[in-house]
Amino acid sequence: MPEGELARVQLAAAFVAERFRERPSVGLVLGSGLGGFAEELSEAVRLPYADIPEMPRSRVAGHAGNLCLGRIAGVPLACLQGRAHIYEGHTPTRAVFGVRVLAELGCRTVLLSNAAGGIHPSFVPGDLMLITDHLNLMGINPLCGANFADGPRFPDLTFAYDRGLQALAREAAEAAGVSLREGVYAALLGPSYETPAEIRMLRALGADAVGMSTVPEVIALRQRGVSVGAISCITNLAAGISAELLDHREVEATAARARQAFTALLTRWVISAGAAQ
């Protein structure tokens, strides 16, 4: 960890805290094409990443680049409307800066979302998948370097995805009438999509979906003792499963079509996660 990283996170968090009177209890990270959920917040304050000291920016289509604060059914939230990716040239440390700010603001629960390619043969575009575990195949770990904030040097990831939050997600999906798949998320560096041979390898390793984010954030949050839940929106079938070529515009379009189900599920999940604290 570069010297002074904690001070940079604290500077950004102090800037945000001055603009929202209530301490957020739940944090959100909204992935490609899923940022529209932030429009559901009441009493919303929107801070562009460009205005927040030290905050890295995302330049990927479908990532608005705002930190939004507000409430859902009275639950105070801090919401990252888009994330920074390592494939954009950000270091692993910079890529997890946003979620470290959420933890510094006081979020003890963070719910992550992403757009992912479906590997499981039963998945179809538009499905929502509760992440139950992950495969870190990015070749990086955001904890390399100096230890951050006196967190554990070797954090345990046996329960990287909180079992209680998983149970609440299932209950939220049932209440919302939304079908919720479950599976293992494989994270690769990107930005190129995978080859059909790589997808066959991932399936053999036990992956159900594949993407280019989320895992570094999970690792950084668990080091801080933050409870984590995560959902993938299956926006396309992975290479070789479908005859169609892969295109990021398809990712955005499918995420937009899944917005109603995603919003219904996430709203109830946020409310129950907030109440459980």
Protein backbone atom coordinates (compact mmCIF):
# COMPACT_ATOMS: atom_id res chain seq x y z
CA MET A 1 0.00 0.00 0.00
CA PRO A 2 1.49 3.38 -0.95
CA GLU A 3 2.47 5.53 2.00
CA GLY A 4 -0.34 7.87 3.03
CA GLU A 5 -3.16 5.87 1.39
CA LEU A 6 -5.20 5.89 4.60
CA ALA A 7 -4.80 9.66 4.81
CA ARG A 8 -6.08 9.98 1.23
CA VAL A 9 -9.10 7.81 1.99
CA GLN A 10 -9.82 9.85 5.12
CA LEU A 11 -9.55 13.11 3.17
CA ALA A 12 -12.10 11.91 0.62
CA ALA A 13 -14.43 10.57 3.32
CA ALA A 14 -14.28 13.84 5.27
CA PHE A 15 -15.21 15.78 2.12
CA VAL A 16 -18.22 13.52 1.58
CA ALA A 17 -19.30 13.51 5.23
CA GLU A 18 -19.50 17.30 5.26
CA ARG A 19 -22.17 17.16 2.58
CA PHE A 20 -24.48 14.56 4.14
CA ARG A 21 -25.56 14.97 7.73
CA GLU A 22 -26.37 11.33 8.49
CA ARG A 23 -23.80 8.56 8.74
CA PRO A 24 -24.61 5.95 6.06
CA SER A 25 -25.10 2.43 7.34
CA VAL A 26 -25.18 0.63 3.99
CA GLY A 27 -22.94 1.15 0.97
CA LEU A 28 -23.70 0.22 -2.63
CA VAL A 29 -21.55 -0.22 -5.70
CA LEU A 30 -23.48 -0.09 -8.97
CA GLY A 31 -21.81 -1.73 -11.96
CA SER A 32 -22.11 -1.35 -15.73
CA GLY A 33 -25.57 -0.19 -16.75
CA LEU A 34 -26.94 -0.54 -13.20
CA GLY A 35 -26.36 3.00 -11.96
CA GLY A 36 -30.00 3.97 -12.44
CA PHE A 37 -30.78 2.56 -9.01
CA ALA A 38 -29.33 5.75 -7.51
CA GLU A 39 -32.39 7.58 -8.84
CA GLU A 40 -34.46 5.72 -6.22
CA LEU A 41 -32.75 7.57 -3.35
CA SER A 42 -34.76 10.18 -1.46
CA GLU A 43 -33.15 13.42 -0.24
CA ALA A 44 -30.31 12.60 -2.60
CA VAL A 45 -26.96 14.38 -2.71
CA ARG A 46 -24.89 13.65 -5.83
CA LEU A 47 -21.13 14.23 -5.77
CA PRO A 48 -19.20 13.70 -9.02
CA TYR A 49 -16.01 11.73 -8.49
CA ALA A 50 -14.14 14.61 -10.10
CA ASP A 51 -15.13 16.83 -7.14
CA ILE A 52 -14.01 14.40 -4.40
CA PRO A 53 -10.36 14.71 -3.36
CA GLU A 54 -8.21 11.77 -4.52
CA MET A 55 -11.20 9.86 -5.94
CA PRO A 56 -10.32 7.86 -9.07
CA ARG A 57 -12.64 8.25 -12.04
CA SER A 58 -14.17 5.62 -14.28
CA ARG A 59 -14.22 6.35 -17.98
CA VAL A 60 -16.18 3.26 -19.02
CA ALA A 61 -19.58 3.61 -20.68
CA GLY A 62 -22.37 2.80 -18.22
CA HIS A 63 -20.49 4.17 -15.19
CA ALA A 64 -21.80 7.66 -14.35
CA GLY A 65 -19.03 8.43 -11.86
CA ASN A 66 -20.97 9.86 -8.91
CA LEU A 67 -21.07 9.17 -5.20
CA CYS A 68 -24.74 9.46 -4.28
CA LEU A 69 -26.01 9.80 -0.72
CA GLY A 70 -29.61 9.52 0.38
CA ARG A 71 -32.14 7.13 1.87
CA ILE A 72 -34.19 4.12 0.86
CA ALA A 73 -37.18 3.64 3.19
CA GLY A 74 -35.28 5.57 5.86
CA VAL A 75 -32.03 3.58 5.51
CA PRO A 76 -29.11 6.02 4.96
CA LEU A 77 -27.00 4.97 1.99
CA ALA A 78 -23.74 5.87 0.28
CA CYS A 79 -23.82 4.69 -3.30
CA LEU A 80 -20.99 4.48 -5.83
CA GLN A 81 -22.57 5.05 -9.25
CA GLY A 82 -19.82 3.30 -11.19
CA ARG A 83 -16.36 2.01 -10.27
CA ALA A 84 -12.73 2.36 -11.33
CA HIS A 85 -11.29 -0.69 -13.09
CA ILE A 86 -7.74 -1.97 -13.08
CA TYR A 87 -7.88 -2.44 -16.85
CA GLU A 88 -8.30 1.34 -17.21
CA GLY A 89 -4.78 1.74 -15.86
CA HIS A 90 -5.69 2.16 -12.20
CA THR A 91 -3.51 0.30 -9.71
CA PRO A 92 -5.26 -2.28 -7.51
CA THR A 93 -4.99 0.22 -4.65
CA ARG A 94 -6.75 2.92 -6.68
CA ALA A 95 -9.41 0.48 -7.88
CA VAL A 96 -10.57 -0.19 -4.30
CA PHE A 97 -10.33 3.44 -3.17
CA GLY A 98 -14.08 3.97 -3.50
CA VAL A 99 -15.11 1.08 -1.30
CA ARG A 100 -12.51 2.07 1.29
CA VAL A 101 -14.18 5.48 1.38
CA LEU A 102 -17.52 3.74 2.01
CA ALA A 103 -15.99 1.87 4.93
CA GLU A 104 -14.43 5.08 6.27
CA LEU A 105 -17.83 6.80 6.09
CA GLY A 106 -19.18 4.15 8.45
CA CYS A 107 -20.82 1.62 6.15
CA ARG A 108 -20.67 -1.72 7.93
CA THR A 109 -22.46 -3.47 5.09
CA VAL A 110 -21.67 -3.01 1.39
CA LEU A 111 -23.72 -4.55 -1.41
CA LEU A 112 -21.89 -4.84 -4.72
CA SER A 113 -23.25 -5.34 -8.21
CA ASN A 114 -21.74 -5.97 -11.62
CA ALA A 115 -22.50 -6.97 -15.16
CA ALA A 116 -21.21 -10.45 -15.94
CA GLY A 117 -21.08 -13.04 -18.68
CA GLY A 118 -23.07 -16.17 -18.03
CA ILE A 119 -21.15 -19.46 -17.99
CA HIS A 120 -23.67 -21.79 -16.34
CA PRO A 121 -25.59 -23.49 -19.15
CA SER A 122 -28.99 -22.58 -17.70
CA PHE A 123 -28.30 -18.83 -17.45
CA VAL A 124 -29.87 -16.39 -19.89
CA PRO A 125 -29.25 -12.65 -20.36
CA GLY A 126 -31.21 -10.68 -17.80
CA ASP A 127 -30.80 -13.22 -14.99
CA LEU A 128 -29.67 -11.97 -11.59
CA MET A 129 -27.10 -14.13 -9.79
CA LEU A 130 -26.31 -13.98 -6.08
CA ILE A 131 -22.55 -14.40 -5.75
CA THR A 132 -21.77 -17.09 -3.19
CA ASP A 133 -18.00 -17.27 -3.78
CA HIS A 134 -15.36 -16.14 -6.24
CA LEU A 135 -12.28 -17.13 -8.20
CA ASN A 136 -9.64 -14.40 -8.27
CA LEU A 137 -7.91 -14.93 -11.62
CA MET A 138 -6.91 -11.28 -12.10
CA GLY A 139 -3.30 -11.89 -11.08
CA ILE A 140 -3.49 -9.10 -8.49
CA ASN A 141 -4.50 -8.50 -4.88
CA PRO A 142 -5.25 -5.01 -3.53
CA LEU A 143 -3.64 -5.88 -0.19
CA CYS A 144 -0.14 -6.25 -1.65
CA GLY A 145 2.27 -3.68 -0.29
CA ALA A 146 2.20 -2.00 3.10
CA ASN A 147 -0.68 -3.12 5.32
CA PHE A 148 -3.69 -0.82 5.23
CA ALA A 149 -5.16 0.75 8.39
CA ASP A 150 -3.76 -1.93 10.70
CA GLY A 151 -6.16 -4.48 9.24
CA PRO A 152 -5.18 -8.17 9.32
CA ARG A 153 -2.17 -8.92 7.14
CA PHE A 154 -3.76 -12.21 6.04
CA PRO A 155 -7.55 -11.72 6.13
CA ASP A 156 -9.65 -14.87 6.01
CA LEU A 157 -12.01 -15.15 3.03
CA THR A 158 -13.88 -18.29 4.03
CA PHE A 159 -17.02 -16.17 4.31
CA ALA A 160 -16.07 -13.44 1.87
CA TYR A 161 -19.76 -13.17 0.98
CA ASP A 162 -21.74 -12.89 4.20
CA ARG A 163 -24.13 -15.79 4.74
CA GLY A 164 -26.64 -13.62 6.58
CA LEU A 165 -26.74 -11.16 3.69
CA GLN A 166 -27.20 -14.05 1.27
CA ALA A 167 -30.23 -15.22 3.24
CA LEU A 168 -31.65 -11.69 3.20
CA ALA A 169 -31.12 -11.51 -0.57
CA ARG A 170 -33.10 -14.71 -1.07
CA GLU A 171 -35.91 -13.37 1.09
CA ALA A 172 -35.85 -10.05 -0.78
CA ALA A 173 -36.04 -11.83 -4.14
CA GLU A 174 -39.00 -13.91 -3.01
CA ALA A 175 -40.82 -10.84 -1.68
CA ALA A 176 -40.16 -8.96 -4.92
CA GLY A 177 -41.20 -11.88 -7.10
CA VAL A 178 -37.77 -11.91 -8.74
CA SER A 179 -35.97 -15.07 -9.80
CA LEU A 180 -32.51 -15.16 -8.21
CA ARG A 181 -29.83 -17.52 -9.44
CA GLU A 182 -26.76 -18.34 -7.35
CA GLY A 183 -23.19 -19.12 -8.26
CA VAL A 184 -19.44 -18.52 -8.30
CA TYR A 185 -18.06 -15.39 -9.96
CA ALA A 186 -14.71 -15.55 -11.74
CA ALA A 187 -12.79 -12.27 -12.02
CA LEU A 188 -10.36 -11.76 -14.90
CA LEU A 189 -8.38 -8.61 -15.62
CA GLY A 190 -9.89 -7.66 -19.00
CA PRO A 191 -10.59 -5.49 -20.89
CA SER A 192 -10.77 -8.07 -23.68
CA TYR A 193 -13.52 -10.64 -23.35
CA GLU A 194 -12.50 -14.24 -22.79
CA THR A 195 -11.88 -16.81 -25.50
CA PRO A 196 -14.13 -19.89 -25.81
CA ALA A 197 -11.23 -22.01 -24.51
CA GLU A 198 -10.91 -19.78 -21.45
CA ILE A 199 -14.64 -20.10 -20.79
CA ARG A 200 -14.37 -23.89 -20.97
CA MET A 201 -11.52 -23.67 -18.45
CA LEU A 202 -13.58 -21.45 -16.14
CA ARG A 203 -16.53 -23.81 -16.31
CA ALA A 204 -14.22 -26.70 -15.36
CA LEU A 205 -12.96 -24.65 -12.41
CA GLY A 206 -16.51 -24.18 -11.13
CA ALA A 207 -17.33 -20.66 -12.32
CA ASP A 208 -20.92 -19.76 -13.15
CA ALA A 209 -20.28 -16.19 -14.34
CA VAL A 210 -17.29 -14.10 -15.34
CA GLY A 211 -16.44 -10.40 -15.11
CA MET A 212 -13.67 -7.83 -14.67
CA SER A 213 -14.35 -6.27 -11.26
CA THR A 214 -15.80 -6.76 -7.76
CA VAL A 215 -13.28 -9.25 -6.33
CA PRO A 216 -10.64 -6.64 -5.38
CA GLU A 217 -13.38 -4.62 -3.65
CA VAL A 218 -14.55 -7.67 -1.71
CA ILE A 219 -11.01 -8.37 -0.51
CA ALA A 220 -10.44 -4.76 0.60
CA LEU A 221 -13.78 -4.59 2.39
CA ARG A 222 -13.29 -7.86 4.25
CA GLN A 223 -9.92 -6.64 5.51
CA ARG A 224 -11.81 -3.70 7.04
CA GLY A 225 -14.34 -6.05 8.65
CA VAL A 226 -17.20 -4.91 6.41
CA SER A 227 -19.94 -7.43 5.61
CA VAL A 228 -20.30 -7.99 1.87
CA GLY A 229 -23.06 -9.16 -0.43
CA ALA A 230 -22.93 -9.16 -4.22
CA ILE A 231 -25.15 -9.70 -7.25
CA SER A 232 -24.26 -10.13 -10.92
CA CYS A 233 -26.60 -9.13 -13.69
CA ILE A 234 -26.02 -11.69 -16.44
CA THR A 235 -25.89 -9.35 -19.40
CA ASN A 236 -24.56 -11.76 -22.03
CA LEU A 237 -23.60 -15.36 -22.53
CA ALA A 238 -19.86 -15.91 -22.34
CA ALA A 239 -17.77 -16.58 -25.45
CA GLY A 240 -18.48 -19.88 -27.17
CA ILE A 241 -21.79 -20.47 -25.37
CA SER A 242 -23.66 -18.31 -27.86
CA ALA A 243 -22.89 -17.81 -31.53
CA GLU A 244 -23.18 -14.05 -31.04
CA LEU A 245 -20.09 -11.85 -30.79
CA LEU A 246 -19.64 -9.93 -27.53
CA ASP A 247 -20.21 -6.17 -27.41
CA HIS A 248 -20.30 -3.78 -24.44
CA ARG A 249 -23.41 -2.14 -25.91
CA GLU A 250 -25.20 -5.44 -25.37
CA VAL A 251 -24.09 -5.36 -21.72
CA GLU A 252 -25.61 -1.91 -21.21
CA ALA A 253 -28.82 -2.76 -23.08
CA THR A 254 -29.44 -5.97 -21.12
CA ALA A 255 -28.71 -4.24 -17.80
CA ALA A 256 -31.28 -1.59 -18.74
CA ARG A 257 -33.89 -4.28 -19.44
CA ALA A 258 -33.16 -5.91 -16.08
CA ARG A 259 -33.50 -2.60 -14.23
CA GLN A 260 -37.01 -3.19 -12.87
CA ALA A 261 -36.18 -6.58 -11.36
CA PHE A 262 -32.79 -5.37 -10.12
CA THR A 263 -34.34 -2.30 -8.45
CA ALA A 264 -37.12 -4.30 -6.81
CA LEU A 265 -34.68 -6.84 -5.40
CA LEU A 266 -31.99 -4.35 -4.34
CA THR A 267 -34.50 -2.05 -2.63
CA ARG A 268 -35.76 -4.83 -0.38
CA TRP A 269 -32.23 -6.12 0.20
CA VAL A 270 -31.04 -2.69 1.31
CA ILE A 271 -33.98 -2.29 3.71
CA SER A 272 -33.46 -5.70 5.33
CA ALA A 273 -29.66 -5.27 5.47
CA GLY A 274 -30.08 -1.89 7.15
CA ALA A 275 -32.54 -3.31 9.67
CA ALA A 276 -30.20 -6.21 10.48
CA GLN A 277 -27.39 -3.93 11.71
